[in-house]
PDB file of N, CA and C in Angstrom:
ATOM      1  N   MET A   1       0.844  -1.184   0.000  1.00  0.00           N
ATOM      2  CA  MET A   1       0.000   0.000   0.000  1.00  0.00           C
ATOM      3  C   MET A   1       0.887   1.245   0.000  1.00  0.00           C
ATOM      4  N   ILE A   2       0.486   2.228  -0.769  1.00  0.00           N
ATOM      5  CA  ILE A   2       1.226   3.481  -0.861  1.00  0.00           C
ATOM      6  C   ILE A   2       0.591   4.491   0.081  1.00  0.00           C
ATOM      7  N   GLU A   3       1.436   5.186   0.810  1.00  0.00           N
ATOM      8  CA  GLU A   3       0.960   6.310   1.617  1.00  0.00           C
ATOM      9  C   GLU A   3       1.719   7.544   1.149  1.00  0.00           C
ATOM     10  N   LYS A   4       0.967   8.582   0.810  1.00  0.00           N
ATOM     11  CA  LYS A   4       1.579   9.817   0.340  1.00  0.00           C
ATOM     12  C   LYS A   4       1.223  10.940   1.296  1.00  0.00           C
ATOM     13  N   ILE A   5       2.246  11.596   1.823  1.00  0.00           N
ATOM     14  CA  ILE A   5       2.056  12.726   2.724  1.00  0.00           C
ATOM     15  C   ILE A   5       2.563  13.971   2.012  1.00  0.00           C
ATOM     16  N   VAL A   6       1.735  15.008   1.972  1.00  0.00           N
ATOM     17  CA  VAL A   6       2.124  16.266   1.343  1.00  0.00           C
ATOM     18  C   VAL A   6       2.105  17.344   2.418  1.00  0.00           C
ATOM     19  N   SER A   7       3.216  18.076   2.523  1.00  0.00           N
ATOM     20  CA  SER A   7       3.332  19.124   3.530  1.00  0.00           C
ATOM     21  C   SER A   7       3.759  20.429   2.856  1.00  0.00           C
ATOM     22  N   ASP A   8       2.974  21.484   3.064  1.00  0.00           N
ATOM     23  CA  ASP A   8       3.315  22.794   2.507  1.00  0.00           C
ATOM     24  C   ASP A   8       4.284  23.487   3.463  1.00  0.00           C
ATOM     25  N   ILE A   9       5.487  23.803   2.975  1.00  0.00           N
ATOM     26  CA  ILE A   9       6.510  24.418   3.827  1.00  0.00           C
ATOM     27  C   ILE A   9       6.589  25.928   3.649  1.00  0.00           C
ATOM     28  N   GLY A  10       5.666  26.492   2.870  1.00  0.00           N
ATOM     29  CA  GLY A  10       5.634  27.943   2.697  1.00  0.00           C
ATOM     30  C   GLY A  10       6.917  28.465   2.071  1.00  0.00           C
ATOM     31  N   ASP A  11       7.484  29.520   2.660  1.00  0.00           N
ATOM     32  CA  ASP A  11       8.699  30.119   2.087  1.00  0.00           C
ATOM     33  C   ASP A  11       9.966  29.657   2.801  1.00  0.00           C
ATOM     34  N   THR A  12       9.899  28.555   3.525  1.00  0.00           N
ATOM     35  CA  THR A  12      11.082  28.009   4.189  1.00  0.00           C
ATOM     36  C   THR A  12      12.069  27.499   3.143  1.00  0.00           C
ATOM     37  N   VAL A  13      13.329  27.892   3.286  1.00  0.00           N
ATOM     38  CA  VAL A  13      14.379  27.450   2.371  1.00  0.00           C
ATOM     39  C   VAL A  13      15.522  26.870   3.196  1.00  0.00           C
ATOM     40  N   ILE A  14      15.846  25.622   2.910  1.00  0.00           N
ATOM     41  CA  ILE A  14      16.913  24.906   3.622  1.00  0.00           C
ATOM     42  C   ILE A  14      17.817  24.249   2.586  1.00  0.00           C
ATOM     43  N   CYS A  15      19.120  24.352   2.779  1.00  0.00           N
ATOM     44  CA  CYS A  15      20.076  23.704   1.887  1.00  0.00           C
ATOM     45  C   CYS A  15      19.917  22.183   2.000  1.00  0.00           C
ATOM     46  N   ASP A  16      19.862  21.518   0.866  1.00  0.00           N
ATOM     47  CA  ASP A  16      19.710  20.067   0.858  1.00  0.00           C
ATOM     48  C   ASP A  16      21.000  19.326   1.193  1.00  0.00           C
ATOM     49  N   TRP A  17      22.106  20.041   1.305  1.00  0.00           N
ATOM     50  CA  TRP A  17      23.374  19.396   1.684  1.00  0.00           C
ATOM     51  C   TRP A  17      23.666  19.556   3.171  1.00  0.00           C
ATOM     52  N   CYS A  18      23.557  20.768   3.678  1.00  0.00           N
ATOM     53  CA  CYS A  18      23.990  21.028   5.065  1.00  0.00           C
ATOM     54  C   CYS A  18      22.829  21.250   6.035  1.00  0.00           C
ATOM     55  N   ASP A  19      21.609  21.367   5.512  1.00  0.00           N
ATOM     56  CA  ASP A  19      20.407  21.584   6.323  1.00  0.00           C
ATOM     57  C   ASP A  19      20.374  22.931   7.043  1.00  0.00           C
ATOM     58  N   ILE A  20      21.182  23.887   6.602  1.00  0.00           N
ATOM     59  CA  ILE A  20      21.117  25.229   7.173  1.00  0.00           C
ATOM     60  C   ILE A  20      19.941  25.967   6.534  1.00  0.00           C
ATOM     61  N   GLU A  21      19.200  26.690   7.358  1.00  0.00           N
ATOM     62  CA  GLU A  21      18.040  27.418   6.868  1.00  0.00           C
ATOM     63  C   GLU A  21      18.459  28.782   6.307  1.00  0.00           C
ATOM     64  N   TYR A  22      17.901  29.121   5.153  1.00  0.00           N
ATOM     65  CA  TYR A  22      18.192  30.378   4.464  1.00  0.00           C
ATOM     66  C   TYR A  22      16.948  31.242   4.286  1.00  0.00           C
ATOM     67  N   THR A  23      15.883  30.932   5.007  1.00  0.00           N
ATOM     68  CA  THR A  23      14.614  31.642   4.854  1.00  0.00           C
ATOM     69  C   THR A  23      14.769  33.150   5.045  1.00  0.00           C
ATOM     70  N   ASN A  24      15.559  33.559   6.012  1.00  0.00           N
ATOM     71  CA  ASN A  24      15.736  34.992   6.301  1.00  0.00           C
ATOM     72  C   ASN A  24      17.145  35.475   5.980  1.00  0.00           C
ATOM     73  N   SER A  25      17.804  34.812   5.064  1.00  0.00           N
ATOM     74  CA  SER A  25      19.196  35.128   4.732  1.00  0.00           C
ATOM     75  C   SER A  25      19.281  35.944   3.446  1.00  0.00           C
ATOM     76  N   ASP A  26      20.284  36.825   3.402  1.00  0.00           N
ATOM     77  CA  ASP A  26      20.579  37.588   2.193  1.00  0.00           C
ATOM     78  C   ASP A  26      21.747  36.988   1.412  1.00  0.00           C
ATOM     79  N   ALA A  27      22.185  35.788   1.799  1.00  0.00           N
ATOM     80  CA  ALA A  27      23.315  35.133   1.115  1.00  0.00           C
ATOM     81  C   ALA A  27      22.973  34.906  -0.351  1.00  0.00           C
ATOM     82  N   LYS A  28      23.932  35.166  -1.202  1.00  0.00           N
ATOM     83  CA  LYS A  28      23.735  35.033  -2.645  1.00  0.00           C
ATOM     84  C   LYS A  28      24.541  33.859  -3.178  1.00  0.00           C
ATOM     85  N   GLY A  29      23.990  33.217  -4.204  1.00  0.00           N
ATOM     86  CA  GLY A  29      24.675  32.100  -4.843  1.00  0.00           C
ATOM     87  C   GLY A  29      23.957  30.794  -4.591  1.00  0.00           C
ATOM     88  N   GLY A  30      24.523  29.725  -5.147  1.00  0.00           N
ATOM     89  CA  GLY A  30      23.968  28.396  -5.002  1.00  0.00           C
ATOM     90  C   GLY A  30      23.720  27.767  -6.356  1.00  0.00           C
ATOM     91  N   ILE A  31      23.394  26.480  -6.317  1.00  0.00           N
ATOM     92  CA  ILE A  31      23.091  25.750  -7.550  1.00  0.00           C
ATOM     93  C   ILE A  31      21.947  24.778  -7.288  1.00  0.00           C
ATOM     94  N   LEU A  32      21.325  24.359  -8.382  1.00  0.00           N
ATOM     95  CA  LEU A  32      20.381  23.253  -8.349  1.00  0.00           C
ATOM     96  C   LEU A  32      21.085  22.090  -9.028  1.00  0.00           C
ATOM     97  N   PHE A  33      21.356  21.044  -8.272  1.00  0.00           N
ATOM     98  CA  PHE A  33      22.045  19.857  -8.770  1.00  0.00           C
ATOM     99  C   PHE A  33      21.078  18.690  -8.679  1.00  0.00           C
ATOM    100  N   GLY A  34      20.624  18.216  -9.820  1.00  0.00           N
ATOM    101  CA  GLY A  34      19.563  17.223  -9.811  1.00  0.00           C
ATOM    102  C   GLY A  34      18.332  17.867  -9.212  1.00  0.00           C
ATOM    103  N   GLU A  35      17.841  17.311  -8.143  1.00  0.00           N
ATOM    104  CA  GLU A  35      16.687  17.874  -7.430  1.00  0.00           C
ATOM    105  C   GLU A  35      17.104  18.551  -6.134  1.00  0.00           C
ATOM    106  N   LYS A  36      18.392  18.738  -5.925  1.00  0.00           N
ATOM    107  CA  LYS A  36      18.906  19.284  -4.670  1.00  0.00           C
ATOM    108  C   LYS A  36      19.326  20.739  -4.832  1.00  0.00           C
ATOM    109  N   SER A  37      18.828  21.579  -3.916  1.00  0.00           N
ATOM    110  CA  SER A  37      19.256  22.976  -3.858  1.00  0.00           C
ATOM    111  C   SER A  37      20.463  23.045  -2.930  1.00  0.00           C
ATOM    112  N   ILE A  38      21.567  23.535  -3.468  1.00  0.00           N
ATOM    113  CA  ILE A  38      22.826  23.583  -2.709  1.00  0.00           C
ATOM    114  C   ILE A  38      23.186  25.044  -2.467  1.00  0.00           C
ATOM    115  N   CYS A  39      23.384  25.393  -1.191  1.00  0.00           N
ATOM    116  CA  CYS A  39      23.589  26.777  -0.771  1.00  0.00           C
ATOM    117  C   CYS A  39      24.972  27.307  -1.180  1.00  0.00           C
ATOM    118  N   PRO A  40      25.158  28.633  -1.056  1.00  0.00           N
ATOM    119  CA  PRO A  40      26.440  29.246  -1.410  1.00  0.00           C
ATOM    120  C   PRO A  40      27.609  28.685  -0.595  1.00  0.00           C
ATOM    121  N   LYS A  41      27.362  28.364   0.664  1.00  0.00           N
ATOM    122  CA  LYS A  41      28.432  27.829   1.517  1.00  0.00           C
ATOM    123  C   LYS A  41      28.890  26.451   1.042  1.00  0.00           C
ATOM    124  N   CYS A  42      27.957  25.609   0.628  1.00  0.00           N
ATOM    125  CA  CYS A  42      28.276  24.243   0.194  1.00  0.00           C
ATOM    126  C   CYS A  42      28.692  24.161  -1.277  1.00  0.00           C
ATOM    127  N   MET A  43      28.389  25.199  -2.038  1.00  0.00           N
ATOM    128  CA  MET A  43      28.603  25.162  -3.479  1.00  0.00           C
ATOM    129  C   MET A  43      30.044  24.850  -3.889  1.00  0.00           C
ATOM    130  N   PRO A  44      31.073  25.462  -3.289  1.00  0.00           N
ATOM    131  CA  PRO A  44      32.437  25.154  -3.730  1.00  0.00           C
ATOM    132  C   PRO A  44      32.786  23.660  -3.607  1.00  0.00           C
ATOM    133  N   LYS A  45      32.443  23.047  -2.482  1.00  0.00           N
ATOM    134  CA  LYS A  45      32.730  21.619  -2.289  1.00  0.00           C
ATOM    135  C   LYS A  45      31.875  20.778  -3.230  1.00  0.00           C
ATOM    136  N   ALA A  46      30.621  21.189  -3.407  1.00  0.00           N
ATOM    137  CA  ALA A  46      29.739  20.468  -4.323  1.00  0.00           C
ATOM    138  C   ALA A  46      30.299  20.495  -5.740  1.00  0.00           C
ATOM    139  N   LEU A  47      30.725  21.671  -6.204  1.00  0.00           N
ATOM    140  CA  LEU A  47      31.281  21.781  -7.555  1.00  0.00           C
ATOM    141  C   LEU A  47      32.558  20.962  -7.701  1.00  0.00           C
ATOM    142  N   GLU A  48      33.369  20.932  -6.654  1.00  0.00           N
ATOM    143  CA  GLU A  48      34.584  20.114  -6.669  1.00  0.00           C
ATOM    144  C   GLU A  48      34.220  18.636  -6.885  1.00  0.00           C
ATOM    145  N   ASN A  49      33.235  18.150  -6.139  1.00  0.00           N
ATOM    146  CA  ASN A  49      32.801  16.762  -6.277  1.00  0.00           C
ATOM    147  C   ASN A  49      32.135  16.503  -7.622  1.00  0.00           C
ATOM    148  N   ILE A  50      31.340  17.450  -8.073  1.00  0.00           N
ATOM    149  CA  ILE A  50      30.659  17.315  -9.360  1.00  0.00           C
ATOM    150  C   ILE A  50      31.683  17.176 -10.488  1.00  0.00           C
ATOM    151  N   LYS A  51      32.718  18.001 -10.459  1.00  0.00           N
ATOM    152  CA  LYS A  51      33.767  17.923 -11.480  1.00  0.00           C
ATOM    153  C   LYS A  51      34.559  16.627 -11.355  1.00  0.00           C
ATOM    154  N   LYS A  52      34.867  16.253 -10.129  1.00  0.00           N
ATOM    155  CA  LYS A  52      35.634  15.026  -9.876  1.00  0.00           C
ATOM    156  C   LYS A  52      34.938  13.806 -10.487  1.00  0.00           C
ATOM    157  N   PHE A  53      33.629  13.753 -10.344  1.00  0.00           N
ATOM    158  CA  PHE A  53      32.873  12.597 -10.832  1.00  0.00           C
ATOM    159  C   PHE A  53      32.229  12.837 -12.201  1.00  0.00           C
ATOM    160  N   LYS A  54      32.623  13.966 -12.835  1.00  0.00           N
ATOM    161  CA  LYS A  54      32.137  14.302 -14.178  1.00  0.00           C
ATOM    162  C   LYS A  54      30.604  14.291 -14.259  1.00  0.00           C
ATOM    163  N   GLU A  55      29.976  14.989 -13.308  1.00  0.00           N
ATOM    164  CA  GLU A  55      28.518  15.038 -13.233  1.00  0.00           C
ATOM    165  C   GLU A  55      27.960  16.428 -13.563  1.00  0.00           C
ATOM    166  N   GLU A  56      28.708  17.209 -14.304  1.00  0.00           N
ATOM    167  CA  GLU A  56      28.281  18.567 -14.645  1.00  0.00           C
ATOM    168  C   GLU A  56      26.911  18.609 -15.326  1.00  0.00           C
ATOM    169  N   GLU A  57      26.583  17.562 -16.053  1.00  0.00           N
ATOM    170  CA  GLU A  57      25.305  17.523 -16.774  1.00  0.00           C
ATOM    171  C   GLU A  57      24.097  17.572 -15.836  1.00  0.00           C
ATOM    172  N   PHE A  58      24.314  17.269 -14.555  1.00  0.00           N
ATOM    173  CA  PHE A  58      23.213  17.257 -13.597  1.00  0.00           C
ATOM    174  C   PHE A  58      22.999  18.615 -12.912  1.00  0.00           C
ATOM    175  N   ILE A  59      23.843  19.604 -13.241  1.00  0.00           N
ATOM    176  CA  ILE A  59      23.617  20.963 -12.741  1.00  0.00           C
ATOM    177  C   ILE A  59      22.483  21.547 -13.585  1.00  0.00           C
ATOM    178  N   LYS A  60      21.334  21.740 -12.961  1.00  0.00           N
ATOM    179  CA  LYS A  60      20.154  22.203 -13.688  1.00  0.00           C
ATOM    180  C   LYS A  60      20.044  23.715 -13.725  1.00  0.00           C
ATOM    181  N   ALA A  61      20.615  24.391 -12.705  1.00  0.00           N
ATOM    182  CA  ALA A  61      20.536  25.860 -12.660  1.00  0.00           C
ATOM    183  C   ALA A  61      21.620  26.398 -11.739  1.00  0.00           C
ATOM    184  N   VAL A  62      22.081  27.598 -12.064  1.00  0.00           N
ATOM    185  CA  VAL A  62      23.054  28.315 -11.238  1.00  0.00           C
ATOM    186  C   VAL A  62      22.409  29.637 -10.832  1.00  0.00           C
ATOM    187  N   CYS A  63      22.489  29.950  -9.547  1.00  0.00           N
ATOM    188  CA  CYS A  63      21.899  31.184  -9.039  1.00  0.00           C
ATOM    189  C   CYS A  63      22.605  32.394  -9.659  1.00  0.00           C
ATOM    190  N   PRO A  64      21.838  33.338 -10.210  1.00  0.00           N
ATOM    191  CA  PRO A  64      22.451  34.570 -10.718  1.00  0.00           C
ATOM    192  C   PRO A  64      23.189  35.311  -9.604  1.00  0.00           C
ATOM    193  N   ASP A  65      24.252  36.022  -9.964  1.00  0.00           N
ATOM    194  CA  ASP A  65      25.093  36.724  -8.987  1.00  0.00           C
ATOM    195  C   ASP A  65      24.315  37.703  -8.108  1.00  0.00           C
ATOM    196  N   ASP A  66      23.267  38.302  -8.660  1.00  0.00           N
ATOM    197  CA  ASP A  66      22.535  39.330  -7.919  1.00  0.00           C
ATOM    198  C   ASP A  66      21.292  38.796  -7.203  1.00  0.00           C
ATOM    199  N   MET A  67      21.151  37.474  -7.096  1.00  0.00           N
ATOM    200  CA  MET A  67      19.966  36.876  -6.486  1.00  0.00           C
ATOM    201  C   MET A  67      20.324  36.138  -5.201  1.00  0.00           C
ATOM    202  N   THR A  68      19.462  36.254  -4.187  1.00  0.00           N
ATOM    203  CA  THR A  68      19.705  35.506  -2.959  1.00  0.00           C
ATOM    204  C   THR A  68      19.376  34.034  -3.193  1.00  0.00           C
ATOM    205  N   PHE A  69      19.993  33.186  -2.382  1.00  0.00           N
ATOM    206  CA  PHE A  69      19.724  31.758  -2.454  1.00  0.00           C
ATOM    207  C   PHE A  69      18.239  31.488  -2.223  1.00  0.00           C
ATOM    208  N   LYS A  70      17.646  32.200  -1.268  1.00  0.00           N
ATOM    209  CA  LYS A  70      16.219  32.032  -0.997  1.00  0.00           C
ATOM    210  C   LYS A  70      15.391  32.335  -2.246  1.00  0.00           C
ATOM    211  N   ASP A  71      15.632  33.475  -2.885  1.00  0.00           N
ATOM    212  CA  ASP A  71      14.867  33.840  -4.078  1.00  0.00           C
ATOM    213  C   ASP A  71      15.098  32.842  -5.217  1.00  0.00           C
ATOM    214  N   PHE A  72      16.320  32.350  -5.324  1.00  0.00           N
ATOM    215  CA  PHE A  72      16.663  31.339  -6.329  1.00  0.00           C
ATOM    216  C   PHE A  72      15.807  30.088  -6.126  1.00  0.00           C
ATOM    217  N   VAL A  73      15.766  29.602  -4.897  1.00  0.00           N
ATOM    218  CA  VAL A  73      14.995  28.388  -4.588  1.00  0.00           C
ATOM    219  C   VAL A  73      13.504  28.628  -4.795  1.00  0.00           C
ATOM    220  N   MET A  74      13.011  29.780  -4.357  1.00  0.00           N
ATOM    221  CA  MET A  74      11.589  30.088  -4.515  1.00  0.00           C
ATOM    222  C   MET A  74      11.212  30.167  -5.998  1.00  0.00           C
ATOM    223  N   THR A  75      12.106  30.702  -6.826  1.00  0.00           N
ATOM    224  CA  THR A  75      11.862  30.770  -8.266  1.00  0.00           C
ATOM    225  C   THR A  75      11.803  29.368  -8.862  1.00  0.00           C
ATOM    226  N   ILE A  76      12.706  28.509  -8.446  1.00  0.00           N
ATOM    227  CA  ILE A  76      12.724  27.123  -8.938  1.00  0.00           C
ATOM    228  C   ILE A  76      11.426  26.413  -8.564  1.00  0.00           C
ATOM    229  N   ARG A  77      10.959  26.635  -7.351  1.00  0.00           N
ATOM    230  CA  ARG A  77       9.721  25.984  -6.895  1.00  0.00           C
ATOM    231  C   ARG A  77       8.511  26.428  -7.716  1.00  0.00           C
ATOM    232  N   GLY A  78       8.536  27.640  -8.197  1.00  0.00           N
ATOM    233  CA  GLY A  78       7.434  28.134  -9.017  1.00  0.00           C
ATOM    234  C   GLY A  78       6.079  28.091  -8.329  1.00  0.00           C
ATOM    235  N   GLY A  79       6.061  28.320  -7.027  1.00  0.00           N
ATOM    236  CA  GLY A  79       4.803  28.334  -6.290  1.00  0.00           C
ATOM    237  C   GLY A  79       4.435  27.008  -5.645  1.00  0.00           C
ATOM    238  N   ASP A  80       5.133  25.935  -6.006  1.00  0.00           N
ATOM    239  CA  ASP A  80       4.871  24.630  -5.375  1.00  0.00           C
ATOM    240  C   ASP A  80       5.804  24.480  -4.189  1.00  0.00           C
ATOM    241  N   ASN A  81       5.320  24.843  -3.023  1.00  0.00           N
ATOM    242  CA  ASN A  81       6.140  24.816  -1.808  1.00  0.00           C
ATOM    243  C   ASN A  81       5.854  23.579  -0.972  1.00  0.00           C
ATOM    244  N   THR A  82       5.586  22.469  -1.637  1.00  0.00           N
ATOM    245  CA  THR A  82       5.246  21.257  -0.911  1.00  0.00           C
ATOM    246  C   THR A  82       6.383  20.241  -0.940  1.00  0.00           C
ATOM    247  N   ILE A  83       6.422  19.480   0.133  1.00  0.00           N
ATOM    248  CA  ILE A  83       7.310  18.322   0.214  1.00  0.00           C
ATOM    249  C   ILE A  83       6.405  17.104   0.156  1.00  0.00           C
ATOM    250  N   LYS A  84       6.753  16.153  -0.691  1.00  0.00           N
ATOM    251  CA  LYS A  84       5.948  14.946  -0.828  1.00  0.00           C
ATOM    252  C   LYS A  84       6.749  13.758  -0.302  1.00  0.00           C
ATOM    253  N   ILE A  85       6.146  13.029   0.615  1.00  0.00           N
ATOM    254  CA  ILE A  85       6.779  11.847   1.189  1.00  0.00           C
ATOM    255  C   ILE A  85       5.914  10.649   0.826  1.00  0.00           C
ATOM    256  N   ILE A  86       6.522   9.673   0.173  1.00  0.00           N
ATOM    257  CA  ILE A  86       5.803   8.476  -0.233  1.00  0.00           C
ATOM    258  C   ILE A  86       6.408   7.290   0.506  1.00  0.00           C
ATOM    259  N   THR A  87       5.558   6.531   1.167  1.00  0.00           N
ATOM    260  CA  THR A  87       6.027   5.327   1.853  1.00  0.00           C
ATOM    261  C   THR A  87       5.398   4.107   1.191  1.00  0.00           C
ATOM    262  N   LEU A  88       6.127   3.021   1.191  1.00  0.00           N
ATOM    263  CA  LEU A  88       5.677   1.771   0.577  1.00  0.00           C
ATOM    264  C   LEU A  88       5.690   0.659   1.602  1.00  0.00           C
ATOM    265  N   ASP A  89       4.880  -0.337   1.349  1.00  0.00           N
ATOM    266  CA  ASP A  89       4.961  -1.541   2.162  1.00  0.00           C
ATOM    267  C   ASP A  89       6.215  -2.307   1.782  1.00  0.00           C
ATOM    268  N   LYS A  90       6.718  -3.093   2.698  1.00  0.00           N
ATOM    269  CA  LYS A  90       7.906  -3.906   2.448  1.00  0.00           C
ATOM    270  C   LYS A  90       7.668  -4.781   1.218  1.00  0.00           C
ATOM    271  N   GLY A  91       8.636  -4.779   0.325  1.00  0.00           N
ATOM    272  CA  GLY A  91       8.558  -5.606  -0.871  1.00  0.00           C
ATOM    273  C   GLY A  91       8.000  -4.891  -2.090  1.00  0.00           C
ATOM    274  N   GLU A  92       7.414  -3.711  -1.902  1.00  0.00           N
ATOM    275  CA  GLU A  92       6.906  -2.972  -3.055  1.00  0.00           C
ATOM    276  C   GLU A  92       8.055  -2.303  -3.785  1.00  0.00           C
ATOM    277  N   ASN A  93       7.928  -2.199  -5.095  1.00  0.00           N
ATOM    278  CA  ASN A  93       8.967  -1.601  -5.923  1.00  0.00           C
ATOM    279  C   ASN A  93       8.468  -0.244  -6.421  1.00  0.00           C
ATOM    280  N   ILE A  94       9.189   0.809  -6.092  1.00  0.00           N
ATOM    281  CA  ILE A  94       8.785   2.166  -6.457  1.00  0.00           C
ATOM    282  C   ILE A  94       8.662   2.344  -7.972  1.00  0.00           C
ATOM    283  N   SER A  95       9.522   1.699  -8.746  1.00  0.00           N
ATOM    284  CA  SER A  95       9.460   1.810 -10.209  1.00  0.00           C
ATOM    285  C   SER A  95       8.133   1.281 -10.739  1.00  0.00           C
ATOM    286  N   ASP A  96       7.682   0.136 -10.202  1.00  0.00           N
ATOM    287  CA  ASP A  96       6.407  -0.434 -10.638  1.00  0.00           C
ATOM    288  C   ASP A  96       5.244   0.485 -10.311  1.00  0.00           C
ATOM    289  N   ILE A  97       5.296   1.127  -9.165  1.00  0.00           N
ATOM    290  CA  ILE A  97       4.220   2.016  -8.743  1.00  0.00           C
ATOM    291  C   ILE A  97       4.122   3.216  -9.668  1.00  0.00           C
ATOM    292  N   PHE A  98       5.277   3.821 -10.026  1.00  0.00           N
ATOM    293  CA  PHE A  98       5.247   4.975 -10.915  1.00  0.00           C
ATOM    294  C   PHE A  98       4.786   4.579 -12.310  1.00  0.00           C
ATOM    295  N   LYS A  99       5.127   3.378 -12.763  1.00  0.00           N
ATOM    296  CA  LYS A  99       4.647   2.909 -14.073  1.00  0.00           C
ATOM    297  C   LYS A  99       3.117   2.801 -14.074  1.00  0.00           C
ATOM    298  N   LYS A 100       2.546   2.266 -12.989  1.00  0.00           N
ATOM    299  CA  LYS A 100       1.093   2.143 -12.888  1.00  0.00           C
ATOM    300  C   LYS A 100       0.426   3.505 -12.892  1.00  0.00           C
ATOM    301  N   GLN A 101       1.026   4.485 -12.207  1.00  0.00           N
ATOM    302  CA  GLN A 101       0.434   5.822 -12.116  1.00  0.00           C
ATOM    303  C   GLN A 101       0.473   6.545 -13.453  1.00  0.00           C
ATOM    304  N   SER A 102       1.471   6.255 -14.289  1.00  0.00           N
ATOM    305  CA  SER A 102       1.596   6.954 -15.573  1.00  0.00           C
ATOM    306  C   SER A 102       0.699   6.347 -16.649  1.00  0.00           C
ATOM    307  N   ASN A 103       0.158   5.170 -16.414  1.00  0.00           N
ATOM    308  CA  ASN A 103      -0.735   4.530 -17.398  1.00  0.00           C
ATOM    309  C   ASN A 103      -2.140   5.037 -17.291  1.00  0.00           C
TER     310      ASN A 103
END
């Protein structure tokens, strides 16, 4: 059985690498790597690892120099400020579930 929990987090912005909150921060910079928002503080180490493993293709967006990390993340969200948590019963395969939902 699938259980889906949706939680609206409003304008809360937290780095997906270090878990530091940027909701009230004026810090500028950051990147979107895959589905992860990486803050200005973590960005140098993240870019080092990304280059090391040749994963540059997964950088989806780079924060403009004049934009705060918070505004960057809020722009990426495009108004969808929800976190979705999906739980499965033991033995269920997530790939099979998504295939069923797309049919």
